[in-house]
C-alpha atoms as a PDB file:
ATOM      1  CA  MET A   1     109.279 150.124  81.018  1.00  0.00           C
ATOM      2  CA  PHE A   2     112.764 150.022  82.477  1.00  0.00           C
ATOM      3  CA  GLU A   3     114.237 148.900  79.147  1.00  0.00           C
ATOM      4  CA  GLU A   4     112.678 151.768  76.862  1.00  0.00           C
ATOM      5  CA  VAL A   5     113.777 154.605  79.510  1.00  0.00           C
ATOM      6  CA  LYS A   6     117.537 153.028  79.710  1.00  0.00           C
ATOM      7  CA  LYS A   7     117.549 153.230  75.876  1.00  0.00           C
ATOM      8  CA  ILE A   8     116.244 156.441  75.608  1.00  0.00           C
ATOM      9  CA  LEU A   9     118.689 157.640  78.416  1.00  0.00           C
ATOM     10  CA  ALA A  10     121.560 155.997  76.791  1.00  0.00           C
ATOM     11  CA  LYS A  11     121.042 157.412  73.508  1.00  0.00           C
ATOM     12  CA  GLN A  12     120.397 161.022  74.964  1.00  0.00           C
ATOM     13  CA  LEU A  13     123.552 161.013  77.418  1.00  0.00           C
ATOM     14  CA  ARG A  14     125.841 159.016  74.918  1.00  0.00           C
ATOM     15  CA  ILE A  15     126.676 156.227  77.389  1.00  0.00           C
ATOM     16  CA  SER A  16     126.504 152.348  77.592  1.00  0.00           C
ATOM     17  CA  GLU A  17     123.127 151.076  78.526  1.00  0.00           C
ATOM     18  CA  ASP A  18     125.091 148.689  80.990  1.00  0.00           C
ATOM     19  CA  MET A  19     125.664 151.644  83.227  1.00  0.00           C
ATOM     20  CA  ILE A  20     122.116 152.333  83.851  1.00  0.00           C
ATOM     21  CA  THR A  21     120.023 150.601  86.606  1.00  0.00           C
ATOM     22  CA  LEU A  22     117.012 151.419  88.621  1.00  0.00           C
ATOM     23  CA  GLU A  23     118.712 152.657  91.365  1.00  0.00           C
ATOM     24  CA  SER A  24     120.980 155.093  89.146  1.00  0.00           C
ATOM     25  CA  ARG A  25     120.784 158.667  89.962  1.00  0.00           C
ATOM     26  CA  ILE A  26     119.807 160.714  87.041  1.00  0.00           C
ATOM     27  CA  LEU A  27     121.976 163.371  87.803  1.00  0.00           C
ATOM     28  CA  GLU A  28     124.941 162.352  89.896  1.00  0.00           C
ATOM     29  CA  ASP A  29     125.513 158.704  88.709  1.00  0.00           C
ATOM     30  CA  LEU A  30     124.782 159.283  84.819  1.00  0.00           C
ATOM     31  CA  GLY A  31     125.702 163.075  84.630  1.00  0.00           C
ATOM     32  CA  ALA A  32     122.665 164.328  83.153  1.00  0.00           C
ATOM     33  CA  ASP A  33     121.477 168.012  83.475  1.00  0.00           C
ATOM     34  CA  SER A  34     118.278 169.524  83.602  1.00  0.00           C
ATOM     35  CA  LEU A  35     118.321 169.840  79.659  1.00  0.00           C
ATOM     36  CA  ASN A  36     118.807 166.069  79.295  1.00  0.00           C
ATOM     37  CA  ILE A  37     115.931 165.479  81.843  1.00  0.00           C
ATOM     38  CA  MET A  38     113.479 167.538  79.912  1.00  0.00           C
ATOM     39  CA  MET A  39     114.461 165.619  76.541  1.00  0.00           C
ATOM     40  CA  LEU A  40     114.060 162.620  78.341  1.00  0.00           C
ATOM     41  CA  LEU A  41     110.435 163.503  79.296  1.00  0.00           C
ATOM     42  CA  MET A  42     109.704 164.876  75.988  1.00  0.00           C
ATOM     43  CA  THR A  43     110.895 161.941  74.177  1.00  0.00           C
ATOM     44  CA  ILE A  44     108.687 159.835  76.488  1.00  0.00           C
ATOM     45  CA  GLU A  45     105.705 161.934  76.243  1.00  0.00           C
ATOM     46  CA  GLU A  46     105.575 161.788  72.479  1.00  0.00           C
ATOM     47  CA  ASP A  47     106.335 157.980  72.207  1.00  0.00           C
ATOM     48  CA  TYR A  48     103.660 157.052  74.811  1.00  0.00           C
ATOM     49  CA  GLY A  49     101.174 159.836  74.516  1.00  0.00           C
ATOM     50  CA  ILE A  50     101.029 160.914  77.955  1.00  0.00           C
ATOM     51  CA  VAL A  51     101.796 164.181  79.563  1.00  0.00           C
ATOM     52  CA  ILE A  52     103.869 164.651  82.576  1.00  0.00           C
ATOM     53  CA  PRO A  53     103.217 167.494  84.912  1.00  0.00           C
ATOM     54  CA  ASP A  54     106.016 169.900  85.880  1.00  0.00           C
ATOM     55  CA  GLN A  55     105.409 169.094  89.763  1.00  0.00           C
ATOM     56  CA  GLU A  56     106.050 165.337  88.893  1.00  0.00           C
ATOM     57  CA  LEU A  57     109.663 166.288  87.259  1.00  0.00           C
ATOM     58  CA  VAL A  58     111.254 167.251  90.630  1.00  0.00           C
ATOM     59  CA  THR A  59     110.350 164.000  92.287  1.00  0.00           C
ATOM     60  CA  PHE A  60     112.304 161.990  89.424  1.00  0.00           C
ATOM     61  CA  LYS A  61     115.771 161.543  91.164  1.00  0.00           C
ATOM     62  CA  THR A  62     116.395 157.958  90.012  1.00  0.00           C
ATOM     63  CA  VAL A  63     115.761 155.887  86.837  1.00  0.00           C
ATOM     64  CA  GLY A  64     113.339 153.608  89.008  1.00  0.00           C
ATOM     65  CA  ASP A  65     111.530 156.928  90.216  1.00  0.00           C
ATOM     66  CA  VAL A  66     110.455 157.701  86.181  1.00  0.00           C
ATOM     67  CA  VAL A  67     109.903 153.875  85.485  1.00  0.00           C
ATOM     68  CA  LYS A  68     107.657 153.677  88.544  1.00  0.00           C
ATOM     69  CA  TYR A  69     105.576 157.011  87.421  1.00  0.00           C
ATOM     70  CA  LEU A  70     105.230 155.934  83.855  1.00  0.00           C
ATOM     71  CA  ASP A  71     104.047 152.121  85.093  1.00  0.00           C
ATOM     72  CA  ALA A  72     101.493 153.934  87.111  1.00  0.00           C
ATOM     73  CA  GLN A  73     100.455 155.829  84.354  1.00  0.00           C
ATOM     74  CA  LYS A  74      99.870 152.603  81.995  1.00  0.00           C
ATOM     75  CA  ASN A  75      97.349 151.176  84.586  1.00  0.00           C
END
């Protein structure tokens, strides 16, 4: 799942995938804003057929947080 999230983020933020790690902070390290985060989550919801509740959004600080949440949804 990390590879998929990394590709989506790199494309949306126009940055190299090499810059993205599980520990990368989405706002501070990758330079995303709230709109970028919403676009990321909308893309994930469409691609994987899941719904991410708004209360979960505030818990996503790092790329790893997003990956961990998505992995839990697959099980």
